[in-house]
Amino acid sequence: MEARPAALEAAQDAAAHPDDEDALAALRLQLKKLLAEDDSLAQELARLLPQSGPAGQTVIASGNRSVAIGGNASGSTIITGNHNQVKR
């Protein structure tokens, strides 16, 4: 990335402001340009990316009748409320 100053700057901006959508978009654009120019880099990334898995995820549900989902809950039924509480 040092060979392309705009890419280096975009990476630094995205690292400094990871929640900034504009900074992330600028980095994506610079990465597209780098990969289009360097076929060997694109092939190396394609080889490495399928091997990498998710970095991990921590999900915490806090409070009465709260629900936390750490993945896809599509098609699930989640029921909360007093009706389903265990009576003592």
PDB file of N, CA and C in Angstrom:
ATOM      1  N   MET A   1       0.822  -1.202   0.000  1.00  0.00           N
ATOM      2  CA  MET A   1       0.000   0.000   0.000  1.00  0.00           C
ATOM      3  C   MET A   1       0.860   1.257   0.000  1.00  0.00           C
ATOM      4  N   GLU A   2       2.110   1.102   0.425  1.00  0.00           N
ATOM      5  CA  GLU A   2       2.996   2.276   0.427  1.00  0.00           C
ATOM      6  C   GLU A   2       3.222   2.807  -0.982  1.00  0.00           C
ATOM      7  N   ALA A   3       3.133   1.934  -1.980  1.00  0.00           N
ATOM      8  CA  ALA A   3       3.331   2.356  -3.368  1.00  0.00           C
ATOM      9  C   ALA A   3       2.170   3.214  -3.864  1.00  0.00           C
ATOM     10  N   ARG A   4       1.060   3.143  -3.196  1.00  0.00           N
ATOM     11  CA  ARG A   4      -0.113   3.924  -3.586  1.00  0.00           C
ATOM     12  C   ARG A   4      -0.511   4.784  -2.384  1.00  0.00           C
ATOM     13  N   PRO A   5      -0.054   6.041  -2.326  1.00  0.00           N
ATOM     14  CA  PRO A   5      -0.304   6.901  -1.165  1.00  0.00           C
ATOM     15  C   PRO A   5      -1.792   7.053  -0.814  1.00  0.00           C
ATOM     16  N   ALA A   6      -2.655   7.088  -1.804  1.00  0.00           N
ATOM     17  CA  ALA A   6      -4.089   7.230  -1.520  1.00  0.00           C
ATOM     18  C   ALA A   6      -4.618   6.002  -0.777  1.00  0.00           C
ATOM     19  N   ALA A   7      -4.111   4.823  -1.119  1.00  0.00           N
ATOM     20  CA  ALA A   7      -4.529   3.594  -0.448  1.00  0.00           C
ATOM     21  C   ALA A   7      -4.032   3.578   0.992  1.00  0.00           C
ATOM     22  N   LEU A   8      -2.816   3.993   1.200  1.00  0.00           N
ATOM     23  CA  LEU A   8      -2.254   4.045   2.541  1.00  0.00           C
ATOM     24  C   LEU A   8      -3.043   5.020   3.415  1.00  0.00           C
ATOM     25  N   GLU A   9      -3.351   6.179   2.863  1.00  0.00           N
ATOM     26  CA  GLU A   9      -4.137   7.172   3.603  1.00  0.00           C
ATOM     27  C   GLU A   9      -5.535   6.641   3.917  1.00  0.00           C
ATOM     28  N   ALA A  10      -6.144   5.967   2.960  1.00  0.00           N
ATOM     29  CA  ALA A  10      -7.477   5.404   3.188  1.00  0.00           C
ATOM     30  C   ALA A  10      -7.439   4.350   4.288  1.00  0.00           C
ATOM     31  N   ALA A  11      -6.388   3.536   4.301  1.00  0.00           N
ATOM     32  CA  ALA A  11      -6.249   2.512   5.347  1.00  0.00           C
ATOM     33  C   ALA A  11      -6.057   3.159   6.709  1.00  0.00           C
ATOM     34  N   GLN A  12      -5.256   4.191   6.766  1.00  0.00           N
ATOM     35  CA  GLN A  12      -5.030   4.894   8.034  1.00  0.00           C
ATOM     36  C   GLN A  12      -6.312   5.565   8.521  1.00  0.00           C
ATOM     37  N   ASP A  13      -7.061   6.176   7.603  1.00  0.00           N
ATOM     38  CA  ASP A  13      -8.323   6.820   7.982  1.00  0.00           C
ATOM     39  C   ASP A  13      -9.330   5.797   8.500  1.00  0.00           C
ATOM     40  N   ALA A  14      -9.423   4.654   7.812  1.00  0.00           N
ATOM     41  CA  ALA A  14     -10.373   3.617   8.234  1.00  0.00           C
ATOM     42  C   ALA A  14      -9.973   3.030   9.585  1.00  0.00           C
ATOM     43  N   ALA A  15      -8.684   2.890   9.822  1.00  0.00           N
ATOM     44  CA  ALA A  15      -8.219   2.372  11.112  1.00  0.00           C
ATOM     45  C   ALA A  15      -8.496   3.369  12.231  1.00  0.00           C
ATOM     46  N   ALA A  16      -8.341   4.646  11.939  1.00  0.00           N
ATOM     47  CA  ALA A  16      -8.570   5.679  12.947  1.00  0.00           C
ATOM     48  C   ALA A  16     -10.053   5.905  13.220  1.00  0.00           C
ATOM     49  N   HIS A  17     -10.886   5.651  12.212  1.00  0.00           N
ATOM     50  CA  HIS A  17     -12.333   5.907  12.329  1.00  0.00           C
ATOM     51  C   HIS A  17     -13.110   4.718  11.766  1.00  0.00           C
ATOM     52  N   PRO A  18     -13.100   3.563  12.461  1.00  0.00           N
ATOM     53  CA  PRO A  18     -13.710   2.350  11.915  1.00  0.00           C
ATOM     54  C   PRO A  18     -15.230   2.418  11.731  1.00  0.00           C
ATOM     55  N   ASP A  19     -15.883   3.376  12.361  1.00  0.00           N
ATOM     56  CA  ASP A  19     -17.337   3.514  12.208  1.00  0.00           C
ATOM     57  C   ASP A  19     -17.724   4.530  11.134  1.00  0.00           C
ATOM     58  N   ASP A  20     -16.747   5.152  10.511  1.00  0.00           N
ATOM     59  CA  ASP A  20     -17.000   6.166   9.488  1.00  0.00           C
ATOM     60  C   ASP A  20     -17.226   5.487   8.138  1.00  0.00           C
ATOM     61  N   GLU A  21     -18.464   5.500   7.674  1.00  0.00           N
ATOM     62  CA  GLU A  21     -18.816   4.828   6.410  1.00  0.00           C
ATOM     63  C   GLU A  21     -18.056   5.412   5.227  1.00  0.00           C
ATOM     64  N   ASP A  22     -17.791   6.705   5.247  1.00  0.00           N
ATOM     65  CA  ASP A  22     -17.051   7.316   4.137  1.00  0.00           C
ATOM     66  C   ASP A  22     -15.605   6.820   4.109  1.00  0.00           C
ATOM     67  N   ALA A  23     -14.996   6.693   5.282  1.00  0.00           N
ATOM     68  CA  ALA A  23     -13.628   6.198   5.353  1.00  0.00           C
ATOM     69  C   ALA A  23     -13.565   4.746   4.873  1.00  0.00           C
ATOM     70  N   LEU A  24     -14.549   3.945   5.244  1.00  0.00           N
ATOM     71  CA  LEU A  24     -14.586   2.553   4.807  1.00  0.00           C
ATOM     72  C   LEU A  24     -14.819   2.448   3.307  1.00  0.00           C
ATOM     73  N   ALA A  25     -15.661   3.308   2.773  1.00  0.00           N
ATOM     74  CA  ALA A  25     -15.920   3.300   1.327  1.00  0.00           C
ATOM     75  C   ALA A  25     -14.655   3.694   0.558  1.00  0.00           C
ATOM     76  N   ALA A  26     -13.930   4.677   1.064  1.00  0.00           N
ATOM     77  CA  ALA A  26     -12.688   5.093   0.409  1.00  0.00           C
ATOM     78  C   ALA A  26     -11.668   3.951   0.428  1.00  0.00           C
ATOM     79  N   LEU A  27     -11.598   3.228   1.543  1.00  0.00           N
ATOM     80  CA  LEU A  27     -10.684   2.088   1.628  1.00  0.00           C
ATOM     81  C   LEU A  27     -11.093   0.987   0.655  1.00  0.00           C
ATOM     82  N   ARG A  28     -12.398   0.699   0.574  1.00  0.00           N
ATOM     83  CA  ARG A  28     -12.875  -0.320  -0.377  1.00  0.00           C
ATOM     84  C   ARG A  28     -12.480   0.042  -1.800  1.00  0.00           C
ATOM     85  N   LEU A  29     -12.651   1.300  -2.165  1.00  0.00           N
ATOM     86  CA  LEU A  29     -12.305   1.752  -3.515  1.00  0.00           C
ATOM     87  C   LEU A  29     -10.813   1.572  -3.780  1.00  0.00           C
ATOM     88  N   GLN A  30      -9.980   1.971  -2.834  1.00  0.00           N
ATOM     89  CA  GLN A  30      -8.534   1.833  -3.018  1.00  0.00           C
ATOM     90  C   GLN A  30      -8.120   0.362  -3.100  1.00  0.00           C
ATOM     91  N   LEU A  31      -8.759  -0.484  -2.296  1.00  0.00           N
ATOM     92  CA  LEU A  31      -8.450  -1.917  -2.366  1.00  0.00           C
ATOM     93  C   LEU A  31      -8.858  -2.506  -3.713  1.00  0.00           C
ATOM     94  N   LYS A  32      -9.993  -2.076  -4.239  1.00  0.00           N
ATOM     95  CA  LYS A  32     -10.419  -2.545  -5.569  1.00  0.00           C
ATOM     96  C   LYS A  32      -9.382  -2.162  -6.616  1.00  0.00           C
ATOM     97  N   LYS A  33      -8.893  -0.941  -6.524  1.00  0.00           N
ATOM     98  CA  LYS A  33      -7.890  -0.486  -7.489  1.00  0.00           C
ATOM     99  C   LYS A  33      -6.599  -1.288  -7.354  1.00  0.00           C
ATOM    100  N   LEU A  34      -6.165  -1.519  -6.106  1.00  0.00           N
ATOM    101  CA  LEU A  34      -4.950  -2.303  -5.890  1.00  0.00           C
ATOM    102  C   LEU A  34      -5.083  -3.712  -6.451  1.00  0.00           C
ATOM    103  N   LEU A  35      -6.217  -4.339  -6.194  1.00  0.00           N
ATOM    104  CA  LEU A  35      -6.418  -5.712  -6.664  1.00  0.00           C
ATOM    105  C   LEU A  35      -6.550  -5.784  -8.177  1.00  0.00           C
ATOM    106  N   ALA A  36      -7.114  -4.746  -8.779  1.00  0.00           N
ATOM    107  CA  ALA A  36      -7.231  -4.719 -10.240  1.00  0.00           C
ATOM    108  C   ALA A  36      -5.858  -4.567 -10.899  1.00  0.00           C
ATOM    109  N   GLU A  37      -4.945  -3.868 -10.233  1.00  0.00           N
ATOM    110  CA  GLU A  37      -3.611  -3.631 -10.777  1.00  0.00           C
ATOM    111  C   GLU A  37      -2.639  -4.780 -10.519  1.00  0.00           C
ATOM    112  N   ASP A  38      -2.887  -5.555  -9.464  1.00  0.00           N
ATOM    113  CA  ASP A  38      -1.925  -6.577  -9.038  1.00  0.00           C
ATOM    114  C   ASP A  38      -2.615  -7.939  -8.969  1.00  0.00           C
ATOM    115  N   ASP A  39      -2.519  -8.678 -10.073  1.00  0.00           N
ATOM    116  CA  ASP A  39      -3.196  -9.969 -10.161  1.00  0.00           C
ATOM    117  C   ASP A  39      -2.653 -10.975  -9.149  1.00  0.00           C
ATOM    118  N   SER A  40      -1.359 -10.939  -8.896  1.00  0.00           N
ATOM    119  CA  SER A  40      -0.787 -11.895  -7.935  1.00  0.00           C
ATOM    120  C   SER A  40      -1.303 -11.613  -6.520  1.00  0.00           C
ATOM    121  N   LEU A  41      -1.487 -10.357  -6.182  1.00  0.00           N
ATOM    122  CA  LEU A  41      -2.067  -9.998  -4.877  1.00  0.00           C
ATOM    123  C   LEU A  41      -3.509 -10.490  -4.790  1.00  0.00           C
ATOM    124  N   ALA A  42      -4.260 -10.285  -5.851  1.00  0.00           N
ATOM    125  CA  ALA A  42      -5.657 -10.739  -5.877  1.00  0.00           C
ATOM    126  C   ALA A  42      -5.734 -12.259  -5.718  1.00  0.00           C
ATOM    127  N   GLN A  43      -4.847 -12.986  -6.398  1.00  0.00           N
ATOM    128  CA  GLN A  43      -4.844 -14.450  -6.290  1.00  0.00           C
ATOM    129  C   GLN A  43      -4.450 -14.902  -4.887  1.00  0.00           C
ATOM    130  N   GLU A  44      -3.484 -14.230  -4.295  1.00  0.00           N
ATOM    131  CA  GLU A  44      -3.047 -14.585  -2.941  1.00  0.00           C
ATOM    132  C   GLU A  44      -4.171 -14.343  -1.929  1.00  0.00           C
ATOM    133  N   LEU A  45      -4.874 -13.240  -2.049  1.00  0.00           N
ATOM    134  CA  LEU A  45      -6.007 -12.971  -1.155  1.00  0.00           C
ATOM    135  C   LEU A  45      -7.120 -13.985  -1.354  1.00  0.00           C
ATOM    136  N   ALA A  46      -7.387 -14.331  -2.593  1.00  0.00           N
ATOM    137  CA  ALA A  46      -8.425 -15.327  -2.878  1.00  0.00           C
ATOM    138  C   ALA A  46      -8.057 -16.671  -2.260  1.00  0.00           C
ATOM    139  N   ARG A  47      -6.771 -16.982  -2.243  1.00  0.00           N
ATOM    140  CA  ARG A  47      -6.311 -18.230  -1.640  1.00  0.00           C
ATOM    141  C   ARG A  47      -6.441 -18.187  -0.119  1.00  0.00           C
ATOM    142  N   LEU A  48      -6.163 -17.046   0.489  1.00  0.00           N
ATOM    143  CA  LEU A  48      -6.166 -16.926   1.943  1.00  0.00           C
ATOM    144  C   LEU A  48      -7.553 -16.725   2.551  1.00  0.00           C
ATOM    145  N   LEU A  49      -8.399 -15.980   1.895  1.00  0.00           N
ATOM    146  CA  LEU A  49      -9.689 -15.616   2.498  1.00  0.00           C
ATOM    147  C   LEU A  49     -10.592 -16.808   2.801  1.00  0.00           C
ATOM    148  N   PRO A  50     -10.730 -17.785   1.929  1.00  0.00           N
ATOM    149  CA  PRO A  50     -11.602 -18.914   2.282  1.00  0.00           C
ATOM    150  C   PRO A  50     -11.119 -19.683   3.506  1.00  0.00           C
ATOM    151  N   GLN A  51      -9.831 -19.602   3.800  1.00  0.00           N
ATOM    152  CA  GLN A  51      -9.282 -20.300   4.945  1.00  0.00           C
ATOM    153  C   GLN A  51      -9.594 -19.591   6.251  1.00  0.00           C
ATOM    154  N   SER A  52      -9.815 -18.316   6.173  1.00  0.00           N
ATOM    155  CA  SER A  52     -10.068 -17.581   7.405  1.00  0.00           C
ATOM    156  C   SER A  52     -11.539 -17.709   7.782  1.00  0.00           C
ATOM    157  N   GLY A  53     -11.776 -17.855   9.046  1.00  0.00           N
ATOM    158  CA  GLY A  53     -13.133 -17.953   9.557  1.00  0.00           C
ATOM    159  C   GLY A  53     -13.498 -16.679  10.288  1.00  0.00           C
ATOM    160  N   PRO A  54     -14.663 -16.666  10.890  1.00  0.00           N
ATOM    161  CA  PRO A  54     -15.060 -15.489  11.655  1.00  0.00           C
ATOM    162  C   PRO A  54     -14.089 -15.257  12.814  1.00  0.00           C
ATOM    163  N   ALA A  55     -13.891 -14.010  13.130  1.00  0.00           N
ATOM    164  CA  ALA A  55     -12.949 -13.645  14.177  1.00  0.00           C
ATOM    165  C   ALA A  55     -13.479 -13.970  15.561  1.00  0.00           C
ATOM    166  N   GLY A  56     -14.734 -14.274  15.677  1.00  0.00           N
ATOM    167  CA  GLY A  56     -15.322 -14.549  16.985  1.00  0.00           C
ATOM    168  C   GLY A  56     -16.357 -13.491  17.315  1.00  0.00           C
ATOM    169  N   GLN A  57     -17.201 -13.854  18.199  1.00  0.00           N
ATOM    170  CA  GLN A  57     -18.298 -12.951  18.499  1.00  0.00           C
ATOM    171  C   GLN A  57     -18.735 -13.188  19.934  1.00  0.00           C
ATOM    172  N   THR A  58     -18.977 -12.125  20.657  1.00  0.00           N
ATOM    173  CA  THR A  58     -19.499 -12.212  22.008  1.00  0.00           C
ATOM    174  C   THR A  58     -20.854 -11.546  22.016  1.00  0.00           C
ATOM    175  N   VAL A  59     -21.843 -12.275  22.495  1.00  0.00           N
ATOM    176  CA  VAL A  59     -23.198 -11.745  22.551  1.00  0.00           C
ATOM    177  C   VAL A  59     -23.673 -11.858  23.989  1.00  0.00           C
ATOM    178  N   ILE A  60     -24.194 -10.758  24.514  1.00  0.00           N
ATOM    179  CA  ILE A  60     -24.652 -10.748  25.903  1.00  0.00           C
ATOM    180  C   ILE A  60     -26.078 -10.236  25.956  1.00  0.00           C
ATOM    181  N   ALA A  61     -26.948 -11.010  26.599  1.00  0.00           N
ATOM    182  CA  ALA A  61     -28.320 -10.562  26.848  1.00  0.00           C
ATOM    183  C   ALA A  61     -28.367 -10.113  28.300  1.00  0.00           C
ATOM    184  N   SER A  62     -28.883  -8.941  28.536  1.00  0.00           N
ATOM    185  CA  SER A  62     -28.904  -8.400  29.888  1.00  0.00           C
ATOM    186  C   SER A  62     -30.301  -7.890  30.217  1.00  0.00           C
ATOM    187  N   GLY A  63     -30.821  -8.292  31.357  1.00  0.00           N
ATOM    188  CA  GLY A  63     -32.132  -7.803  31.788  1.00  0.00           C
ATOM    189  C   GLY A  63     -33.199  -8.871  31.653  1.00  0.00           C
ATOM    190  N   ASN A  64     -34.312  -8.612  32.297  1.00  0.00           N
ATOM    191  CA  ASN A  64     -35.439  -9.549  32.262  1.00  0.00           C
ATOM    192  C   ASN A  64     -35.936  -9.741  30.840  1.00  0.00           C
ATOM    193  N   ARG A  65     -36.134 -10.992  30.477  1.00  0.00           N
ATOM    194  CA  ARG A  65     -36.716 -11.389  29.199  1.00  0.00           C
ATOM    195  C   ARG A  65     -35.943 -10.851  27.991  1.00  0.00           C
ATOM    196  N   SER A  66     -34.629 -10.630  28.160  1.00  0.00           N
ATOM    197  CA  SER A  66     -33.832 -10.159  27.031  1.00  0.00           C
ATOM    198  C   SER A  66     -33.384 -11.352  26.191  1.00  0.00           C
ATOM    199  N   VAL A  67     -33.063 -11.073  24.951  1.00  0.00           N
ATOM    200  CA  VAL A  67     -32.647 -12.105  24.012  1.00  0.00           C
ATOM    201  C   VAL A  67     -31.387 -11.622  23.306  1.00  0.00           C
ATOM    202  N   ALA A  68     -30.410 -12.515  23.176  1.00  0.00           N
ATOM    203  CA  ALA A  68     -29.198 -12.203  22.422  1.00  0.00           C
ATOM    204  C   ALA A  68     -28.989 -13.302  21.389  1.00  0.00           C
ATOM    205  N   ILE A  69     -28.668 -12.908  20.179  1.00  0.00           N
ATOM    206  CA  ILE A  69     -28.476 -13.882  19.098  1.00  0.00           C
ATOM    207  C   ILE A  69     -27.113 -13.621  18.488  1.00  0.00           C
ATOM    208  N   GLY A  70     -26.304 -14.651  18.415  1.00  0.00           N
ATOM    209  CA  GLY A  70     -24.963 -14.516  17.876  1.00  0.00           C
ATOM    210  C   GLY A  70     -24.832 -15.078  16.482  1.00  0.00           C
ATOM    211  N   GLY A  71     -25.890 -15.112  15.738  1.00  0.00           N
ATOM    212  CA  GLY A  71     -25.838 -15.652  14.385  1.00  0.00           C
ATOM    213  C   GLY A  71     -27.180 -15.450  13.715  1.00  0.00           C
ATOM    214  N   ASN A  72     -27.501 -16.330  12.821  1.00  0.00           N
ATOM    215  CA  ASN A  72     -28.745 -16.224  12.080  1.00  0.00           C
ATOM    216  C   ASN A  72     -29.875 -16.893  12.857  1.00  0.00           C
ATOM    217  N   ALA A  73     -30.932 -16.154  13.135  1.00  0.00           N
ATOM    218  CA  ALA A  73     -32.090 -16.711  13.836  1.00  0.00           C
ATOM    219  C   ALA A  73     -33.291 -16.770  12.901  1.00  0.00           C
ATOM    220  N   SER A  74     -33.033 -16.722  11.614  1.00  0.00           N
ATOM    221  CA  SER A  74     -34.099 -16.741  10.627  1.00  0.00           C
ATOM    222  C   SER A  74     -34.944 -17.997  10.791  1.00  0.00           C
ATOM    223  N   GLY A  75     -36.259 -17.825  10.821  1.00  0.00           N
ATOM    224  CA  GLY A  75     -37.175 -18.947  10.943  1.00  0.00           C
ATOM    225  C   GLY A  75     -37.376 -19.408  12.370  1.00  0.00           C
ATOM    226  N   SER A  76     -36.759 -18.730  13.327  1.00  0.00           N
ATOM    227  CA  SER A  76     -36.893 -19.108  14.731  1.00  0.00           C
ATOM    228  C   SER A  76     -38.062 -18.387  15.371  1.00  0.00           C
ATOM    229  N   THR A  77     -38.562 -18.977  16.428  1.00  0.00           N
ATOM    230  CA  THR A  77     -39.586 -18.328  17.232  1.00  0.00           C
ATOM    231  C   THR A  77     -38.974 -18.008  18.584  1.00  0.00           C
ATOM    232  N   ILE A  78     -38.983 -16.756  18.950  1.00  0.00           N
ATOM    233  CA  ILE A  78     -38.429 -16.327  20.221  1.00  0.00           C
ATOM    234  C   ILE A  78     -39.579 -15.752  21.034  1.00  0.00           C
ATOM    235  N   ILE A  79     -39.816 -16.353  22.181  1.00  0.00           N
ATOM    236  CA  ILE A  79     -40.939 -15.942  23.018  1.00  0.00           C
ATOM    237  C   ILE A  79     -40.397 -15.421  24.334  1.00  0.00           C
ATOM    238  N   THR A  80     -40.806 -14.234  24.697  1.00  0.00           N
ATOM    239  CA  THR A  80     -40.461 -13.683  26.002  1.00  0.00           C
ATOM    240  C   THR A  80     -41.736 -13.188  26.650  1.00  0.00           C
ATOM    241  N   GLY A  81     -41.692 -12.959  27.928  1.00  0.00           N
ATOM    242  CA  GLY A  81     -42.866 -12.423  28.602  1.00  0.00           C
ATOM    243  C   GLY A  81     -43.235 -13.232  29.826  1.00  0.00           C
ATOM    244  N   ASN A  82     -44.132 -12.701  30.633  1.00  0.00           N
ATOM    245  CA  ASN A  82     -44.541 -13.333  31.885  1.00  0.00           C
ATOM    246  C   ASN A  82     -45.253 -14.648  31.672  1.00  0.00           C
ATOM    247  N   HIS A  83     -45.935 -14.831  30.565  1.00  0.00           N
ATOM    248  CA  HIS A  83     -46.701 -16.047  30.316  1.00  0.00           C
ATOM    249  C   HIS A  83     -45.816 -17.281  30.349  1.00  0.00           C
ATOM    250  N   ASN A  84     -44.562 -17.153  29.948  1.00  0.00           N
ATOM    251  CA  ASN A  84     -43.668 -18.300  29.853  1.00  0.00           C
ATOM    252  C   ASN A  84     -42.734 -18.478  31.051  1.00  0.00           C
ATOM    253  N   GLN A  85     -42.883 -17.649  32.081  1.00  0.00           N
ATOM    254  CA  GLN A  85     -42.027 -17.765  33.250  1.00  0.00           C
ATOM    255  C   GLN A  85     -42.378 -19.013  34.046  1.00  0.00           C
ATOM    256  N   VAL A  86     -41.370 -19.603  34.640  1.00  0.00           N
ATOM    257  CA  VAL A  86     -41.584 -20.766  35.506  1.00  0.00           C
ATOM    258  C   VAL A  86     -42.163 -20.258  36.824  1.00  0.00           C
ATOM    259  N   LYS A  87     -43.274 -20.839  37.249  1.00  0.00           N
ATOM    260  CA  LYS A  87     -43.903 -20.408  38.497  1.00  0.00           C
ATOM    261  C   LYS A  87     -43.283 -21.168  39.649  1.00  0.00           C
ATOM    262  N   ARG A  88     -43.032 -20.455  40.727  1.00  0.00           N
ATOM    263  CA  ARG A  88     -42.415 -21.076  41.902  1.00  0.00           C
ATOM    264  C   ARG A  88     -43.386 -21.144  43.035  1.00  0.00           C
TER     265      ARG A  88
END
